[in-house]
Protein backbone atom coordinates (compact mmCIF):
# COMPACT_ATOMS: atom_id res chain seq x y z
CA UNK A 1 0.00 0.00 0.00
CA UNK A 2 1.27 3.45 -0.95
CA UNK A 3 0.51 6.40 1.34
CA UNK A 4 0.40 10.12 0.55
CA UNK A 5 -0.17 12.75 3.26
CA UNK A 6 -0.94 9.89 5.64
CA UNK A 7 -3.78 8.54 3.48
CA UNK A 8 -3.73 5.29 1.51
CA UNK A 9 -3.51 5.78 -2.26
CA UNK A 10 -4.79 3.15 -4.68
CA UNK A 11 -2.62 3.03 -7.76
CA UNK A 12 -4.36 0.28 -9.63
CA UNK A 13 -6.66 2.62 -11.51
CA UNK A 14 -3.81 4.82 -12.73
CA UNK A 15 -1.30 2.21 -13.75
CA UNK A 16 -1.17 1.32 -17.48
CA UNK A 17 0.15 -2.12 -18.15
CA UNK A 18 2.43 -2.05 -21.16
CA UNK A 19 2.55 -5.42 -22.86
CA UNK A 20 5.69 -6.88 -24.25
CA UNK A 21 6.48 -4.67 -27.23
CA UNK A 22 8.28 -7.37 -29.17
CA UNK A 23 9.88 -6.26 -32.47
CA UNK A 24 10.48 -2.46 -32.44
CA UNK A 25 10.12 -2.35 -36.24
CA UNK A 26 6.62 -3.79 -35.88
CA UNK A 27 5.72 -1.02 -33.42
CA UNK A 28 7.03 1.55 -35.93
CA UNK A 29 4.83 0.09 -38.65
CA UNK A 30 1.81 0.21 -36.31
CA UNK A 31 2.36 3.90 -35.63
CA UNK A 32 -0.61 5.93 -36.84
CA UNK A 33 1.69 8.59 -38.25
CA UNK A 34 3.32 6.03 -40.54
CA UNK A 35 0.20 4.38 -41.93
CA UNK A 36 -0.69 7.04 -44.49
CA UNK A 37 2.86 7.48 -45.96
CA UNK A 38 3.31 3.71 -46.17
CA UNK A 39 -0.05 3.27 -47.88
CA UNK A 40 0.91 5.95 -50.40
CA UNK A 41 4.25 4.25 -51.11
CA UNK A 42 2.59 0.88 -51.62
CA UNK A 43 0.03 2.35 -54.02
CA UNK A 44 2.76 4.17 -55.93
CA UNK A 45 4.82 0.99 -56.20
CA UNK A 46 1.93 -1.09 -57.51
CA UNK A 47 0.94 1.60 -60.03
CA UNK A 48 4.47 1.55 -61.46
CA UNK A 49 4.42 -2.22 -61.44
CA UNK A 50 1.13 -2.31 -63.33
CA UNK A 51 2.47 0.22 -65.83
CA UNK A 52 5.56 -1.89 -66.43
CA UNK A 53 3.44 -4.99 -67.01
CA UNK A 54 1.11 -3.44 -69.60
CA UNK A 55 1.16 -5.65 -72.71
CA UNK A 56 2.97 -4.24 -75.72
CA UNK A 57 0.64 -4.11 -78.71
CA UNK A 58 2.62 -4.29 -81.93
CA UNK A 59 1.63 -1.94 -84.74
CA UNK A 60 1.48 -3.62 -88.14
CA UNK A 61 -0.09 -1.13 -90.54
CA UNK A 62 -2.53 1.68 -91.15
CA UNK A 63 -4.98 1.83 -94.04
CA UNK A 64 -7.38 4.45 -95.40
CA UNK A 65 -10.94 3.18 -95.13
CA UNK A 66 -11.96 4.74 -98.42
CA UNK A 67 -10.15 4.99 -101.73
CA UNK A 68 -11.03 8.66 -102.23
CA UNK A 69 -10.82 10.00 -98.67
CA UNK A 70 -8.15 10.25 -95.95
CA UNK A 71 -10.44 11.21 -93.07
CA UNK A 72 -10.74 7.69 -91.62
CA UNK A 73 -8.03 5.11 -91.05
CA UNK A 74 -7.90 1.56 -89.68
CA UNK A 75 -4.91 0.62 -87.52
CA UNK A 76 -3.86 -3.02 -87.76
CA UNK A 77 -1.83 -5.41 -85.61
CA UNK A 78 -0.46 -8.80 -86.67
CA UNK A 79 -3.59 -10.44 -85.24
CA UNK A 80 -6.31 -7.90 -86.01
CA UNK A 81 -6.74 -5.79 -89.18
CA UNK A 82 -9.22 -3.56 -87.33
CA UNK A 83 -7.38 -3.16 -84.02
CA UNK A 84 -7.69 0.63 -83.90
CA UNK A 85 -9.12 3.73 -85.50
CA UNK A 86 -7.77 7.13 -86.47
CA UNK A 87 -10.42 9.54 -87.74
CA UNK A 88 -11.24 13.22 -87.97
CA UNK A 89 -13.35 14.36 -85.05
CA UNK A 90 -15.75 16.20 -87.35
CA UNK A 91 -16.22 14.12 -90.49
CA UNK A 92 -18.70 16.61 -91.87
CA UNK A 93 -16.96 19.81 -92.87
CA UNK A 94 -13.34 20.64 -93.56
CA UNK A 95 -11.75 20.70 -90.10
CA UNK A 96 -8.51 18.67 -90.19
CA UNK A 97 -7.15 20.04 -86.91
CA UNK A 98 -8.86 17.58 -84.51
CA UNK A 99 -8.72 13.79 -84.59
CA UNK A 100 -9.87 10.86 -82.47
CA UNK A 101 -7.75 7.76 -81.96
CA UNK A 102 -8.53 4.38 -80.40
CA UNK A 103 -5.93 1.69 -79.94
CA UNK A 104 -4.73 -0.87 -77.36
CA UNK A 105 -7.77 -0.40 -75.15
CA UNK A 106 -7.44 3.40 -74.87
CA UNK A 107 -9.16 6.32 -76.56
CA UNK A 108 -7.38 9.57 -77.23
CA UNK A 109 -7.20 12.71 -79.31
CA UNK A 110 -4.79 14.44 -81.66
CA UNK A 111 -5.19 18.20 -81.95
CA UNK A 112 -3.38 21.26 -83.12
CA UNK A 113 -2.07 23.01 -80.02
CA UNK A 114 -3.18 26.34 -81.46
CA UNK A 115 -6.11 26.68 -83.82
CA UNK A 116 -5.13 27.09 -87.49
CA UNK A 117 -1.45 26.60 -86.61
CA UNK A 118 -0.13 23.23 -87.85
CA UNK A 119 3.29 23.93 -86.32
CA UNK A 120 2.47 22.13 -83.09
CA UNK A 121 0.33 19.08 -82.38
CA UNK A 122 -0.62 17.32 -79.16
CA UNK A 123 -1.61 13.68 -78.82
CA UNK A 124 -3.28 12.34 -75.67
CA UNK A 125 -3.60 8.57 -75.31
CA UNK A 126 -4.26 6.89 -71.99
CA UNK A 127 -2.15 8.76 -69.42
CA UNK A 128 0.44 9.94 -71.95
CA UNK A 129 0.72 13.36 -73.58
CA UNK A 130 2.91 13.74 -76.68
CA UNK A 131 3.87 17.04 -78.31
CA UNK A 132 4.98 17.28 -81.95
CA UNK A 133 6.84 20.23 -83.50
CA UNK A 134 8.74 20.54 -86.79
CA UNK A 135 12.52 20.52 -86.46
CA UNK A 136 12.60 23.55 -88.74
CA UNK A 137 9.58 25.88 -88.69
CA UNK A 138 7.40 25.41 -91.73
CA UNK A 139 9.11 22.16 -92.78
CA UNK A 140 6.78 19.12 -92.45
CA UNK A 141 9.51 16.60 -93.35
CA UNK A 142 11.10 16.26 -89.90
CA UNK A 143 9.49 16.43 -86.45
CA UNK A 144 10.49 16.55 -82.80
CA UNK A 145 8.45 14.06 -80.75
CA UNK A 146 8.48 14.86 -77.02
CA UNK A 147 7.21 12.31 -74.50
CA UNK A 148 7.99 13.09 -70.88
CA UNK A 149 11.73 13.75 -70.67
CA UNK A 150 12.51 11.98 -73.96
CA UNK A 151 12.79 13.62 -77.38
CA UNK A 152 12.89 11.81 -80.72
CA UNK A 153 13.24 12.97 -84.33
CA UNK A 154 10.85 11.45 -86.86
CA UNK A 155 11.65 12.25 -90.50
CA UNK A 156 10.78 11.48 -94.07
CA UNK A 157 13.69 9.50 -95.45
CA UNK A 158 13.61 11.26 -98.83
CA UNK A 159 12.21 14.77 -98.79
CA UNK A 160 10.63 14.51 -102.24
CA UNK A 161 8.97 11.14 -101.55
CA UNK A 162 6.29 10.06 -99.08
CA UNK A 163 7.36 6.44 -99.25
CA UNK A 164 9.28 5.99 -95.97
CA UNK A 165 9.62 7.59 -92.51
CA UNK A 166 12.26 6.71 -89.94
CA UNK A 167 13.33 7.69 -86.43
CA UNK A 168 16.85 8.87 -85.67
CA UNK A 169 19.08 6.80 -83.37
CA UNK A 170 16.27 4.39 -82.42
CA UNK A 171 16.33 1.20 -84.49
CA UNK A 172 13.26 -0.94 -84.72
CA UNK A 173 10.50 1.43 -85.80
CA UNK A 174 9.76 2.71 -89.30
CA UNK A 175 6.88 2.86 -91.78
CA UNK A 176 6.56 2.93 -95.55
CA UNK A 177 3.85 2.78 -98.20
CA UNK A 178 2.74 -0.68 -99.18
CA UNK A 179 2.66 0.37 -102.82
CA UNK A 180 4.96 3.04 -104.21
CA UNK A 181 3.12 6.27 -104.91
CA UNK A 182 -0.04 5.15 -103.06
CA UNK A 183 -0.39 6.75 -99.58
CA UNK A 184 -3.59 4.87 -98.71
CA UNK A 185 -1.85 1.80 -97.25
CA UNK A 186 1.18 1.77 -94.95
CA UNK A 187 3.28 -1.01 -93.49
CA UNK A 188 4.70 -0.39 -90.00
CA UNK A 189 7.85 -2.15 -88.83
CA UNK A 190 7.48 -2.22 -85.05
CA UNK A 191 10.12 -4.24 -83.22
CA UNK A 192 9.14 -2.91 -79.79
CA UNK A 193 11.99 -0.46 -79.12
CA UNK A 194 11.89 0.09 -75.34
CA UNK A 195 12.38 3.85 -75.68
CA UNK A 196 9.00 4.30 -77.38
CA UNK A 197 5.68 4.02 -75.60
CA UNK A 198 2.45 3.41 -77.49
CA UNK A 199 1.48 7.09 -77.59
CA UNK A 200 4.82 8.11 -79.16
CA UNK A 201 4.48 5.45 -81.85
CA UNK A 202 0.93 6.59 -82.62
CA UNK A 203 2.13 10.19 -82.88
CA UNK A 204 4.66 9.18 -85.53
CA UNK A 205 2.05 7.21 -87.45
CA UNK A 206 -0.30 10.19 -87.38
CA UNK A 207 2.34 12.61 -88.70
CA UNK A 208 3.27 10.29 -91.57
CA UNK A 209 -0.29 9.82 -92.76
CA UNK A 210 -1.31 13.45 -92.22
CA UNK A 211 1.61 15.00 -94.09
CA UNK A 212 1.68 12.43 -96.87
CA UNK A 213 -1.93 12.67 -98.03
CA UNK A 214 -4.21 15.31 -99.57
CA UNK A 215 -6.91 16.80 -97.35
CA UNK A 216 -9.94 15.18 -98.93
């Protein structure tokens, strides 16, 4: 019995029994202040993991749907001739500045950054945003493709011909007309270069078809 000022004092009600703490790291994990940051880190990790495990859909070709119009295109893969679509947003009228694109389970858009200014385009596909600018202002034969912190140059191989487009310093991706002098059908050589995401590849395909065909 404990006495204070000559009176007995019961300490049972004021004593907190601390159980065996065990592993100190486990106590740190149980701390309320650590739960939210740890949850955020786990979610961030799994989002990156899911991104890394997204299947790579190989591009195989792109074909005009009509023999006398370049407003609608079908994107093909080795397994599906109708795997995707590239088409003008407003098929009625003469607006070539806005396009819709569907491929690999995502829908997106391609638009001129500034109205009536074909010097800069922006493609949005899934969570990716790609910007496209000519290497030399006013020259549609060579383009800077910017995706995140990466920049690529996509160019017509021969300036006076539409037949073939290639990317500088990145082997494994190119496209050319299936028949010489006919821009309605294109073959895409896509060997899955790791530097290029799907949106960047679609941006290059768009530029080749857009700047190799009449606006009709």
